[in-house]
Amino acid sequence: MSLDQDADGWFIRMRGPDAADVRGQFEEWRSVPAHARAYERRVRSFDTLMFLASTGTVRNRNLEVAKPWVLRTAFRKYAAAAVGLMLTGALLLIVAQRSFGEPQSLSRIEVASLDEVPRHISLPDGSKLILDRGSRVQISYGPSERRLRLLVGRARFSVAHEERRPFIVEAGAGRVIAHGTLFDVELTLNTVRIALLQGAVEVRDASGGNGRKRLELAAGERTAIERGSVAKPTSIAAADRQWPNDMLALDSVDIGEAVAAFNRTAPTPVLFELRSAQPMKVTGAFRRSDPESFARQLAATFGLRVEAREDGSFAILDGSRSGT
């Protein structure tokens, strides 16, 4: 069996009824870099097929012709899912070839990155999307605009240039309008943060509150929208650039804020339970997928201790002895 076939098998199993039972085996298999790359190729291919399936062209096709062949096929536990994926993929690729040059149109669909590391998604127009862990985005393409809404978390948008069809990202009360550029949008409880890495974008506040309503960002700048105002631009910090690499970079950040920033995308939380009000500033780069190492590095730096809890979390406590 080839590596790609192996990846296809895992892709089907992780969307089947026993996904929870085999997750440990899957994570062990995916820990090999070549396996992880093969699996990511499978995920990207599936996303592309789902995007195509949402176009008006494909929705109007009659896919009923596939049913008799599927029904006559003898299958075991996963064969039905495998046949469905391969058959759908073949039909959609044929349609994509026939409709080359037609306007790309998508009904509203939703993509998510749950407990995965930052997830890379290719969009039909050549734009690319990176979703942080626990993030969700709605996508809707029409003939006059490309509109996306960040529902939860953080995303990086690499926008393919189209003169007549702007790329609009909405998040909370914020809106970003771009044509061809690279930028991040993060949605927290009360704030929308935008960081522009390349190109230029227009940032708008859509809440109807008082304050500045519109701002033109330049490359290397970031801003925030909060309580009806668009903040004055500031320079992008290192953490704004590095998050898709699963790294959190901190530079002289209060320890409480550092833990809060880590927990926004951590697979399990780090609890901050200090009685002392002594100021502690955190500087360094931490892997966001490894909460235990983050907690123990902070504890070692400031003479604290770590307690591992039954729910999988790690608590930073007063004292100098690390727990197990």
Protein backbone atom coordinates (compact mmCIF):
# COMPACT_ATOMS: atom_id res chain seq x y z
CA MET A 1 0.00 0.00 0.00
CA SER A 2 1.36 3.43 -0.96
CA LEU A 3 1.68 6.31 1.51
CA ASP A 4 -1.16 8.20 -0.18
CA GLN A 5 -3.41 5.14 0.03
CA ASP A 6 -2.52 4.79 3.69
CA ALA A 7 -3.44 8.46 4.21
CA ASP A 8 -6.75 7.91 2.40
CA GLY A 9 -7.50 5.02 4.73
CA TRP A 10 -6.87 7.11 7.83
CA PHE A 11 -8.87 10.00 6.38
CA ILE A 12 -11.90 7.70 6.05
CA ARG A 13 -11.44 6.04 9.44
CA MET A 14 -11.15 9.37 11.27
CA ARG A 15 -14.54 10.32 9.84
CA GLY A 16 -16.11 6.98 10.70
CA PRO A 17 -17.93 5.59 13.74
CA ASP A 18 -14.80 4.33 15.53
CA ALA A 19 -12.73 7.53 15.16
CA ALA A 20 -12.41 7.99 18.92
CA ASP A 21 -11.25 4.39 19.39
CA VAL A 22 -8.41 4.64 16.86
CA ARG A 23 -7.31 8.24 17.52
CA GLY A 24 -4.26 7.08 19.48
CA GLN A 25 -3.08 4.87 16.60
CA PHE A 26 -3.80 7.68 14.15
CA GLU A 27 -1.79 10.25 16.11
CA GLU A 28 1.12 7.82 16.33
CA TRP A 29 0.97 7.29 12.54
CA ARG A 30 0.67 11.04 11.85
CA SER A 31 3.65 11.85 14.11
CA VAL A 32 5.92 10.84 11.19
CA PRO A 33 6.43 14.04 9.10
CA ALA A 34 5.94 12.28 5.76
CA HIS A 35 2.69 10.76 7.00
CA ALA A 36 1.47 14.14 8.25
CA ARG A 37 2.17 15.72 4.85
CA ALA A 38 0.33 12.93 3.04
CA TYR A 39 -2.66 13.27 5.35
CA GLU A 40 -2.72 17.06 4.87
CA ARG A 41 -2.79 16.53 1.10
CA ARG A 42 -5.84 14.30 1.55
CA VAL A 43 -7.58 16.93 3.70
CA ARG A 44 -6.85 19.71 1.19
CA SER A 45 -8.15 17.60 -1.69
CA PHE A 46 -11.35 16.90 0.20
CA ASP A 47 -11.83 20.61 1.00
CA THR A 48 -11.40 21.47 -2.66
CA LEU A 49 -14.00 18.87 -3.65
CA MET A 50 -16.45 20.22 -1.09
CA PHE A 51 -15.93 23.74 -2.42
CA LEU A 52 -16.64 22.51 -5.94
CA ALA A 53 -19.67 20.63 -4.73
CA SER A 54 -21.09 23.93 -3.44
CA THR A 55 -20.93 25.66 -6.81
CA GLY A 56 -24.07 26.19 -8.85
CA THR A 57 -22.58 24.20 -11.71
CA VAL A 58 -22.11 21.06 -9.65
CA ARG A 59 -25.37 21.39 -7.72
CA ASN A 60 -27.22 21.26 -11.05
CA ARG A 61 -25.52 18.03 -12.13
CA ASN A 62 -27.32 14.72 -11.78
CA LEU A 63 -25.21 12.52 -9.53
CA GLU A 64 -27.91 9.83 -9.31
CA VAL A 65 -26.12 7.85 -12.03
CA ALA A 66 -23.56 6.83 -9.43
CA LYS A 67 -26.04 5.10 -7.14
CA PRO A 68 -26.57 1.74 -8.94
CA TRP A 69 -22.83 1.14 -9.16
CA VAL A 70 -22.38 1.94 -5.48
CA LEU A 71 -25.28 -0.28 -4.46
CA ARG A 72 -23.93 -3.23 -6.42
CA THR A 73 -20.52 -2.93 -4.81
CA ALA A 74 -19.73 -5.36 -2.03
CA PHE A 75 -18.28 -3.38 0.83
CA ARG A 76 -17.20 -3.95 4.38
CA LYS A 77 -16.73 -1.45 7.19
CA TYR A 78 -15.17 1.45 5.27
CA ALA A 79 -15.72 0.60 1.63
CA ALA A 80 -18.88 2.68 1.28
CA ALA A 81 -17.13 5.82 2.46
CA ALA A 82 -14.11 5.17 0.28
CA VAL A 83 -16.19 4.59 -2.85
CA GLY A 84 -18.24 7.69 -2.14
CA LEU A 85 -15.14 9.87 -1.79
CA MET A 86 -13.45 8.51 -4.90
CA LEU A 87 -16.59 8.62 -7.04
CA THR A 88 -17.55 12.12 -5.92
CA GLY A 89 -13.99 13.28 -6.53
CA ALA A 90 -13.94 11.87 -10.06
CA LEU A 91 -17.27 13.43 -10.98
CA LEU A 92 -16.36 16.81 -9.52
CA LEU A 93 -13.01 16.89 -11.30
CA ILE A 94 -14.80 16.26 -14.60
CA VAL A 95 -17.21 19.10 -13.87
CA ALA A 96 -14.33 21.38 -12.88
CA GLN A 97 -12.62 20.74 -16.21
CA ARG A 98 -15.82 21.41 -18.17
CA SER A 99 -16.59 24.63 -16.28
CA PHE A 100 -13.09 26.10 -16.53
CA GLY A 101 -13.32 29.87 -16.91
CA GLU A 102 -16.81 30.17 -15.42
CA PRO A 103 -17.27 32.45 -12.38
CA GLN A 104 -16.52 30.65 -9.11
CA SER A 105 -19.61 30.72 -6.90
CA LEU A 106 -20.03 29.12 -3.50
CA SER A 107 -23.04 28.72 -1.29
CA ARG A 108 -22.35 29.44 2.35
CA ILE A 109 -20.26 26.64 3.82
CA GLU A 110 -18.29 26.35 7.03
CA VAL A 111 -14.77 25.03 7.64
CA ALA A 112 -13.14 24.44 11.00
CA SER A 113 -9.90 23.44 12.67
CA LEU A 114 -10.84 21.61 15.84
CA ASP A 115 -8.08 19.94 17.84
CA GLU A 116 -5.73 19.99 14.86
CA VAL A 117 -2.57 22.07 14.52
CA PRO A 118 -3.11 25.16 12.32
CA ARG A 119 -5.01 23.88 9.28
CA HIS A 120 -4.19 24.97 5.70
CA ILE A 121 -7.08 25.26 3.23
CA SER A 122 -6.96 26.17 -0.47
CA LEU A 123 -9.88 28.22 -1.81
CA PRO A 124 -11.25 27.95 -5.39
CA ASP A 125 -9.91 31.34 -6.53
CA GLY A 126 -6.32 30.54 -5.53
CA SER A 127 -6.53 32.26 -2.15
CA LYS A 128 -5.33 30.35 0.91
CA LEU A 129 -6.60 30.13 4.45
CA ILE A 130 -4.86 29.03 7.64
CA LEU A 131 -7.13 28.29 10.59
CA ASP A 132 -5.76 28.28 14.10
CA ARG A 133 -6.75 25.49 16.47
CA GLY A 134 -10.39 25.74 17.48
CA SER A 135 -11.27 28.27 14.73
CA ARG A 136 -14.24 28.33 12.33
CA VAL A 137 -14.92 30.33 9.16
CA GLN A 138 -17.96 30.64 6.92
CA ILE A 139 -17.20 31.06 3.19
CA SER A 140 -19.51 32.50 0.54
CA TYR A 141 -18.31 33.41 -2.96
CA GLY A 142 -20.48 35.28 -5.46
CA PRO A 143 -19.97 36.93 -8.86
CA SER A 144 -19.30 40.38 -7.32
CA GLU A 145 -17.48 39.60 -4.05
CA ARG A 146 -15.73 36.96 -1.99
CA ARG A 147 -17.10 37.10 1.57
CA LEU A 148 -15.87 35.18 4.62
CA ARG A 149 -16.91 35.42 8.26
CA LEU A 150 -14.61 34.41 11.11
CA LEU A 151 -16.93 32.84 13.71
CA VAL A 152 -14.38 31.76 16.31
CA GLY A 153 -10.63 32.03 16.79
CA ARG A 154 -7.98 33.28 14.40
CA ALA A 155 -7.19 32.90 10.71
CA ARG A 156 -4.56 34.00 8.20
CA PHE A 157 -5.80 35.00 4.74
CA SER A 158 -3.54 34.93 1.66
CA VAL A 159 -5.68 36.65 -0.95
CA ALA A 160 -5.45 36.07 -4.71
CA HIS A 161 -5.80 39.38 -6.54
CA GLU A 162 -9.08 40.01 -8.38
CA GLU A 163 -9.69 43.58 -9.50
CA ARG A 164 -13.48 43.31 -9.77
CA ARG A 165 -14.23 41.03 -6.84
CA PRO A 166 -13.10 42.27 -3.40
CA PHE A 167 -12.19 39.84 -0.65
CA ILE A 168 -14.18 40.74 2.49
CA VAL A 169 -13.57 39.24 5.93
CA GLU A 170 -16.07 39.92 8.70
CA ALA A 171 -15.45 39.18 12.38
CA GLY A 172 -17.60 40.49 15.19
CA ALA A 173 -18.05 44.21 14.54
CA GLY A 174 -15.03 44.34 12.24
CA ARG A 175 -14.66 44.16 8.50
CA VAL A 176 -11.51 43.91 6.38
CA ILE A 177 -11.58 44.61 2.64
CA ALA A 178 -8.69 43.41 0.47
CA HIS A 179 -7.87 42.52 -3.13
CA GLY A 180 -4.49 40.78 -2.99
CA THR A 181 -2.65 40.68 0.32
CA LEU A 182 -1.70 38.67 3.44
CA PHE A 183 -3.29 39.41 6.80
CA ASP A 184 -4.51 37.87 10.06
CA VAL A 185 -7.83 38.34 11.84
CA GLU A 186 -8.44 37.23 15.43
CA LEU A 187 -11.80 37.30 17.21
CA THR A 188 -11.94 37.33 21.01
CA LEU A 189 -14.90 37.97 23.31
CA ASN A 190 -14.98 41.77 22.93
CA THR A 191 -12.22 42.58 20.44
CA VAL A 192 -11.30 42.03 16.80
CA ARG A 193 -7.57 42.17 16.01
CA ILE A 194 -6.15 42.64 12.51
CA ALA A 195 -2.48 42.30 11.57
CA LEU A 196 -1.30 43.08 8.03
CA LEU A 197 1.80 41.24 6.85
CA GLN A 198 1.81 42.20 3.14
CA GLY A 199 -0.06 44.60 0.89
CA ALA A 200 -2.76 47.00 2.08
CA VAL A 201 -6.26 46.58 3.49
CA GLU A 202 -9.13 48.75 4.61
CA VAL A 203 -10.42 48.11 8.13
CA ARG A 204 -13.94 49.15 9.07
CA ASP A 205 -15.98 49.12 12.26
CA ALA A 206 -19.47 47.87 11.50
CA SER A 207 -20.95 48.15 15.00
CA GLY A 208 -22.47 51.60 14.59
CA GLY A 209 -20.78 52.87 17.76
CA ASN A 210 -18.85 56.08 18.25
CA GLY A 211 -15.22 56.59 17.32
CA ARG A 212 -13.07 56.05 14.29
CA LYS A 213 -14.89 54.02 11.63
CA ARG A 214 -12.30 53.34 8.94
CA LEU A 215 -8.56 52.81 8.72
CA GLU A 216 -6.10 52.01 5.92
CA LEU A 217 -3.48 49.60 7.27
CA ALA A 218 0.03 49.40 5.80
CA ALA A 219 2.23 46.30 5.75
CA GLY A 220 3.74 45.62 9.18
CA GLU A 221 0.90 47.29 11.09
CA ARG A 222 -1.83 45.93 13.32
CA THR A 223 -4.97 47.38 14.87
CA ALA A 224 -7.95 46.37 17.01
CA ILE A 225 -11.67 47.10 16.96
CA GLU A 226 -13.25 47.41 20.38
CA ARG A 227 -16.36 49.19 21.70
CA GLY A 228 -17.13 50.88 18.40
CA SER A 229 -13.63 52.24 17.71
CA VAL A 230 -10.76 51.30 15.43
CA ALA A 231 -7.50 51.69 17.38
CA LYS A 232 -4.47 53.60 16.17
CA PRO A 233 -2.08 51.28 14.27
CA THR A 234 0.95 49.82 15.99
CA SER A 235 3.83 47.65 14.76
CA ILE A 236 3.32 43.90 14.40
CA ALA A 237 4.93 41.82 17.14
CA ALA A 238 6.85 38.59 16.55
CA ALA A 239 3.92 36.51 17.82
CA ASP A 240 1.70 37.97 15.10
CA ARG A 241 3.92 36.38 12.44
CA GLN A 242 4.79 33.04 14.02
CA TRP A 243 1.49 31.55 15.16
CA PRO A 244 0.91 29.35 12.04
CA ASN A 245 4.10 27.51 13.00
CA ASP A 246 2.52 26.42 16.31
CA MET A 247 4.78 28.82 18.21
CA LEU A 248 3.77 31.51 20.69
CA ALA A 249 6.41 34.25 20.95
CA LEU A 250 6.24 36.48 24.04
CA ASP A 251 8.35 39.53 24.85
CA SER A 252 8.17 40.83 28.42
CA VAL A 253 4.49 39.92 28.88
CA ASP A 254 2.89 39.72 32.32
CA ILE A 255 2.63 36.08 33.35
CA GLY A 256 -1.15 36.20 33.69
CA GLU A 257 -1.51 37.65 30.18
CA ALA A 258 0.98 35.07 28.88
CA VAL A 259 -1.11 32.19 30.26
CA ALA A 260 -4.29 33.73 28.85
CA ALA A 261 -2.66 34.10 25.41
CA PHE A 262 -1.47 30.48 25.53
CA ASN A 263 -4.89 29.17 26.54
CA ARG A 264 -6.66 30.79 23.60
CA THR A 265 -5.44 27.96 21.36
CA ALA A 266 -4.10 25.33 23.77
CA PRO A 267 -5.39 21.74 23.43
CA THR A 268 -5.74 21.65 27.25
CA PRO A 269 -5.65 24.68 29.56
CA VAL A 270 -2.90 25.93 31.81
CA LEU A 271 -4.35 27.21 35.09
CA PHE A 272 -2.83 30.23 36.82
CA GLU A 273 -3.46 29.94 40.57
CA LEU A 274 -0.88 32.18 42.26
CA ARG A 275 -1.64 34.07 45.45
CA SER A 276 1.38 36.33 45.02
CA ALA A 277 0.94 39.65 43.20
CA GLN A 278 4.66 39.98 42.46
CA PRO A 279 5.20 41.11 38.85
CA MET A 280 6.58 38.41 36.55
CA LYS A 281 7.39 39.08 32.89
CA VAL A 282 7.56 36.25 30.38
CA THR A 283 9.90 36.27 27.39
CA GLY A 284 10.47 33.36 25.03
CA ALA A 285 8.97 31.10 22.37
CA PHE A 286 6.66 28.27 23.38
CA ARG A 287 5.04 25.46 21.41
CA ARG A 288 1.29 25.96 21.74
CA SER A 289 0.54 22.26 21.31
CA ASP A 290 2.54 21.38 24.45
CA PRO A 291 0.85 22.89 27.55
CA GLU A 292 2.88 20.83 29.99
CA SER A 293 6.20 22.17 28.70
CA PHE A 294 4.82 25.73 28.74
CA ALA A 295 3.67 25.39 32.34
CA ARG A 296 6.93 23.80 33.52
CA GLN A 297 9.10 26.38 31.74
CA LEU A 298 7.24 29.19 33.48
CA ALA A 299 7.44 27.40 36.82
CA ALA A 300 11.19 26.83 36.48
CA THR A 301 11.79 30.47 35.49
CA PHE A 302 9.96 31.99 38.46
CA GLY A 303 10.48 29.37 41.16
CA LEU A 304 6.92 28.05 41.06
CA ARG A 305 5.49 24.54 40.90
CA VAL A 306 3.21 22.66 38.49
CA GLU A 307 0.39 20.34 39.42
CA ALA A 308 -1.03 17.94 36.82
CA ARG A 309 -4.79 17.66 37.19
CA GLU A 310 -7.00 14.65 36.40
CA ASP A 311 -8.76 16.53 33.59
CA GLY A 312 -5.45 16.91 31.71
CA SER A 313 -4.84 20.54 32.67
CA PHE A 314 -1.71 21.86 34.38
CA ALA A 315 -1.90 24.34 37.25
CA ILE A 316 0.89 26.82 38.06
CA LEU A 317 1.00 27.24 41.83
CA ASP A 318 3.05 29.01 44.52
CA GLY A 319 6.09 27.06 45.69
CA SER A 320 9.24 25.67 44.13
CA ARG A 321 8.55 21.96 43.71
CA SER A 322 7.13 20.69 40.39
CA GLY A 323 4.42 18.07 40.70
CA THR A 324 3.93 15.07 38.46
